[in-house]
């Protein structure tokens, strides 16, 4: 069994209003020197009976077809 750990974030060119609200809230709480906050998704998927290479292809397809909105989000993943 392998585990895919997927991180999905808004693209740098896309406004992230949730990230801005979190940043403002942290600053209000006294946490200064924050340059930027981006909020995204973290997904773990356990895959059975696959090699690492098969899992990489499968997870990439999952991200492209369902997990990430490629117009506004980018993704990276690790297979363990």
Protein backbone atom coordinates (compact mmCIF):
# COMPACT_ATOMS: atom_id res chain seq x y z
CA UNK A 1 0.00 0.00 0.00
CA UNK A 2 1.18 3.52 -0.81
CA UNK A 3 -0.07 6.84 0.49
CA UNK A 4 -0.49 9.91 -1.68
CA UNK A 5 -0.17 13.24 0.14
CA UNK A 6 -1.66 15.99 -2.03
CA UNK A 7 -1.41 19.76 -1.49
CA UNK A 8 -3.69 22.03 -3.49
CA UNK A 9 -3.36 25.83 -3.37
CA UNK A 10 -4.79 28.74 -5.31
CA UNK A 11 -2.47 29.80 -8.12
CA UNK A 12 -0.30 32.82 -7.31
CA UNK A 13 -2.23 34.93 -9.84
CA UNK A 14 -5.58 34.16 -8.16
CA UNK A 15 -6.95 36.30 -5.33
CA UNK A 16 -7.26 34.30 -2.08
CA UNK A 17 -9.84 36.10 0.10
CA UNK A 18 -9.78 33.39 2.79
CA UNK A 19 -6.02 33.71 3.06
CA UNK A 20 -6.33 37.50 3.40
CA UNK A 21 -8.89 37.16 6.23
CA UNK A 22 -6.64 34.70 8.08
CA UNK A 23 -3.67 37.03 7.61
CA UNK A 24 -5.61 40.03 8.94
CA UNK A 25 -6.85 37.99 11.91
CA UNK A 26 -3.32 36.84 12.77
CA UNK A 27 -2.07 40.42 12.58
CA UNK A 28 -4.94 41.55 14.83
CA UNK A 29 -3.82 38.90 17.33
CA UNK A 30 -0.33 40.38 17.36
CA UNK A 31 1.43 38.11 14.86
CA UNK A 32 3.31 40.61 12.74
CA UNK A 33 5.77 40.25 9.86
CA UNK A 34 3.40 38.03 7.87
CA UNK A 35 3.97 38.60 4.18
CA UNK A 36 1.14 36.46 2.78
CA UNK A 37 -1.24 33.61 3.65
CA UNK A 38 -2.64 31.16 1.09
CA UNK A 39 -5.33 28.69 2.14
CA UNK A 40 -5.73 25.41 0.32
CA UNK A 41 -6.54 21.74 0.69
CA UNK A 42 -4.56 18.76 1.96
CA UNK A 43 -5.70 15.30 0.92
CA UNK A 44 -4.31 11.85 1.79
CA UNK A 45 -5.29 8.85 -0.31
CA UNK A 46 -4.20 5.29 0.42
CA UNK A 47 -3.79 3.15 -2.69
CA UNK A 48 -3.51 -0.63 -2.72
CA UNK A 49 -1.72 -2.95 -5.14
CA UNK A 50 0.16 -0.21 -6.99
CA UNK A 51 3.78 0.55 -7.61
CA UNK A 52 5.00 4.06 -6.88
CA UNK A 53 5.01 4.84 -10.61
CA UNK A 54 1.42 3.59 -11.05
CA UNK A 55 0.32 5.59 -8.02
CA UNK A 56 1.95 8.75 -9.40
CA UNK A 57 0.07 8.42 -12.69
CA UNK A 58 -3.21 7.64 -10.91
CA UNK A 59 -2.95 10.52 -8.45
CA UNK A 60 -1.99 12.97 -11.19
CA UNK A 61 -5.09 11.92 -13.13
CA UNK A 62 -7.26 12.24 -10.00
CA UNK A 63 -5.99 15.78 -9.42
CA UNK A 64 -6.53 16.82 -13.03
CA UNK A 65 -10.04 15.33 -13.29
CA UNK A 66 -11.53 16.00 -9.86
CA UNK A 67 -9.43 17.12 -6.91
CA UNK A 68 -8.03 20.40 -8.26
CA UNK A 69 -9.67 23.12 -10.29
CA UNK A 70 -6.82 23.64 -12.76
CA UNK A 71 -8.09 27.07 -13.80
CA UNK A 72 -7.45 28.57 -10.36
CA UNK A 73 -5.48 25.94 -8.39
CA UNK A 74 -2.15 24.18 -8.62
CA UNK A 75 -1.18 20.95 -6.92
CA UNK A 76 1.81 18.93 -5.80
CA UNK A 77 1.92 15.48 -4.30
CA UNK A 78 4.25 12.95 -2.74
CA UNK A 79 3.85 9.19 -2.85
CA UNK A 80 5.08 7.32 0.23
